[in-house]
Amino acid sequence: LAKHAAVTLAIEDVWDGFVVGPLEVARYVDAFESRSVKACVDTSRTVFYASHQDFIRILGSRVVKVRARSMGALGDVADVAFRGWVTVETL
């Protein structure tokens, strides 16, 4: 349905323990066998399982978006040469 509608589904960890580490997220996204299913990395949530850079390096082209809670996290994203959407939530 996502492919037909020309949208991308971005899987994101929501602290429910379903898929938590970068390898688990990679396996889950790959299991769909669809270019329409990707990953969203939230830098505030990944710190419990691996570094932001590790998530982005391991997920590679599966990452469609990165969410950051601070401007400081953007340096981490730049270090791994991520090319895609990044949103920063600031107060």
C-alpha atoms as a PDB file:
ATOM      1  CA  LEU A   1       0.000   0.000   0.000  1.00  0.00           C
ATOM      2  CA  ALA A   2       2.866   2.406   0.855  1.00  0.00           C
ATOM      3  CA  LYS A   3       4.540   1.728  -2.483  1.00  0.00           C
ATOM      4  CA  HIS A   4       1.261   2.254  -4.336  1.00  0.00           C
ATOM      5  CA  ALA A   5       0.679   5.540  -2.476  1.00  0.00           C
ATOM      6  CA  ALA A   6       4.320   6.612  -3.072  1.00  0.00           C
ATOM      7  CA  VAL A   7       5.006   7.138   0.629  1.00  0.00           C
ATOM      8  CA  THR A   8       7.787   5.920   2.877  1.00  0.00           C
ATOM      9  CA  LEU A   9       7.059   4.274   6.218  1.00  0.00           C
ATOM     10  CA  ALA A  10       9.732   5.251   8.748  1.00  0.00           C
ATOM     11  CA  ILE A  11      10.104   2.758  11.614  1.00  0.00           C
ATOM     12  CA  GLU A  12      11.194   4.435  14.867  1.00  0.00           C
ATOM     13  CA  ASP A  13      12.009   3.002  18.280  1.00  0.00           C
ATOM     14  CA  VAL A  14       9.428   4.183  20.821  1.00  0.00           C
ATOM     15  CA  TRP A  15      10.934   2.677  24.011  1.00  0.00           C
ATOM     16  CA  ASP A  16       8.528  -0.229  24.068  1.00  0.00           C
ATOM     17  CA  GLY A  17      11.312  -2.814  23.746  1.00  0.00           C
ATOM     18  CA  PHE A  18      10.130  -4.112  20.362  1.00  0.00           C
ATOM     19  CA  VAL A  19      13.196  -3.304  18.254  1.00  0.00           C
ATOM     20  CA  VAL A  20      15.913  -1.488  20.149  1.00  0.00           C
ATOM     21  CA  GLY A  21      19.432  -1.946  18.785  1.00  0.00           C
ATOM     22  CA  PRO A  22      20.631  -0.965  15.332  1.00  0.00           C
ATOM     23  CA  LEU A  23      20.993  -4.592  14.202  1.00  0.00           C
ATOM     24  CA  GLU A  24      17.432  -5.383  15.323  1.00  0.00           C
ATOM     25  CA  VAL A  25      16.081  -2.327  13.513  1.00  0.00           C
ATOM     26  CA  ALA A  26      18.014  -3.312  10.367  1.00  0.00           C
ATOM     27  CA  ARG A  27      16.623  -6.872  10.436  1.00  0.00           C
ATOM     28  CA  TYR A  28      13.085  -5.591  11.026  1.00  0.00           C
ATOM     29  CA  VAL A  29      13.215  -3.070   8.173  1.00  0.00           C
ATOM     30  CA  ASP A  30      14.789  -5.652   5.838  1.00  0.00           C
ATOM     31  CA  ALA A  31      12.075  -8.196   6.671  1.00  0.00           C
ATOM     32  CA  PHE A  32       9.530  -6.053   4.822  1.00  0.00           C
ATOM     33  CA  GLU A  33      11.511  -6.506   1.598  1.00  0.00           C
ATOM     34  CA  SER A  34      10.238  -3.128   0.437  1.00  0.00           C
ATOM     35  CA  ARG A  35      11.963   0.087  -0.566  1.00  0.00           C
ATOM     36  CA  SER A  36       8.983   1.871   0.995  1.00  0.00           C
ATOM     37  CA  VAL A  37       9.967   0.841   4.538  1.00  0.00           C
ATOM     38  CA  LYS A  38      12.896   2.698   6.101  1.00  0.00           C
ATOM     39  CA  ALA A  39      14.095   3.753   9.564  1.00  0.00           C
ATOM     40  CA  CYS A  40      13.899   6.965  11.559  1.00  0.00           C
ATOM     41  CA  VAL A  41      16.656   7.453  14.138  1.00  0.00           C
ATOM     42  CA  ASP A  42      15.774   9.526  17.211  1.00  0.00           C
ATOM     43  CA  THR A  43      19.090  10.552  18.784  1.00  0.00           C
ATOM     44  CA  SER A  44      17.541  10.945  22.240  1.00  0.00           C
ATOM     45  CA  ARG A  45      16.327   7.336  22.271  1.00  0.00           C
ATOM     46  CA  THR A  46      19.245   5.518  20.672  1.00  0.00           C
ATOM     47  CA  VAL A  47      21.697   6.440  23.446  1.00  0.00           C
ATOM     48  CA  PHE A  48      20.414   3.574  25.588  1.00  0.00           C
ATOM     49  CA  TYR A  49      21.338   0.948  22.969  1.00  0.00           C
ATOM     50  CA  ALA A  50      24.215   2.328  20.856  1.00  0.00           C
ATOM     51  CA  SER A  51      25.671   5.655  19.767  1.00  0.00           C
ATOM     52  CA  HIS A  52      23.877   7.810  17.201  1.00  0.00           C
ATOM     53  CA  GLN A  53      26.743   7.243  14.813  1.00  0.00           C
ATOM     54  CA  ASP A  54      26.517   3.461  15.191  1.00  0.00           C
ATOM     55  CA  PHE A  55      22.800   3.494  14.438  1.00  0.00           C
ATOM     56  CA  ILE A  56      23.321   5.583  11.313  1.00  0.00           C
ATOM     57  CA  ARG A  57      26.373   3.597  10.145  1.00  0.00           C
ATOM     58  CA  ILE A  58      24.705   0.206  10.655  1.00  0.00           C
ATOM     59  CA  LEU A  59      21.343   1.226   9.202  1.00  0.00           C
ATOM     60  CA  GLY A  60      23.011   3.038   6.290  1.00  0.00           C
ATOM     61  CA  SER A  61      20.632   3.580   3.380  1.00  0.00           C
ATOM     62  CA  ARG A  62      17.723   2.328   5.514  1.00  0.00           C
ATOM     63  CA  VAL A  63      17.694   5.682   7.379  1.00  0.00           C
ATOM     64  CA  VAL A  64      15.274   8.159   5.892  1.00  0.00           C
ATOM     65  CA  LYS A  65      15.148  10.663   8.766  1.00  0.00           C
ATOM     66  CA  VAL A  66      17.054  11.624  11.924  1.00  0.00           C
ATOM     67  CA  ARG A  67      15.384  13.365  14.868  1.00  0.00           C
ATOM     68  CA  ALA A  68      17.497  15.308  17.346  1.00  0.00           C
ATOM     69  CA  ARG A  69      16.504  16.992  20.592  1.00  0.00           C
ATOM     70  CA  SER A  70      19.481  19.335  20.580  1.00  0.00           C
ATOM     71  CA  MET A  71      21.711  21.111  18.122  1.00  0.00           C
ATOM     72  CA  GLY A  72      24.702  19.254  19.632  1.00  0.00           C
ATOM     73  CA  ALA A  73      23.457  15.943  18.265  1.00  0.00           C
ATOM     74  CA  LEU A  74      23.705  17.310  14.742  1.00  0.00           C
ATOM     75  CA  GLY A  75      27.508  17.138  14.905  1.00  0.00           C
ATOM     76  CA  ASP A  76      27.204  13.408  15.571  1.00  0.00           C
ATOM     77  CA  VAL A  77      25.034  13.045  12.485  1.00  0.00           C
ATOM     78  CA  ALA A  78      27.467  15.052  10.349  1.00  0.00           C
ATOM     79  CA  ASP A  79      30.331  12.811  11.492  1.00  0.00           C
ATOM     80  CA  VAL A  80      28.820   9.855   9.644  1.00  0.00           C
ATOM     81  CA  ALA A  81      27.942  11.830   6.505  1.00  0.00           C
ATOM     82  CA  PHE A  82      24.184  11.254   6.712  1.00  0.00           C
ATOM     83  CA  ARG A  83      22.352  12.702   3.716  1.00  0.00           C
ATOM     84  CA  GLY A  84      18.670  13.094   4.383  1.00  0.00           C
ATOM     85  CA  TRP A  85      16.049  14.782   6.541  1.00  0.00           C
ATOM     86  CA  VAL A  86      16.993  15.943  10.028  1.00  0.00           C
ATOM     87  CA  THR A  87      14.581  17.618  12.426  1.00  0.00           C
ATOM     88  CA  VAL A  88      15.652  19.339  15.636  1.00  0.00           C
ATOM     89  CA  GLU A  89      13.200  19.880  18.471  1.00  0.00           C
ATOM     90  CA  THR A  90      14.219  22.901  20.529  1.00  0.00           C
ATOM     91  CA  LEU A  91      12.560  24.990  23.193  1.00  0.00           C
END
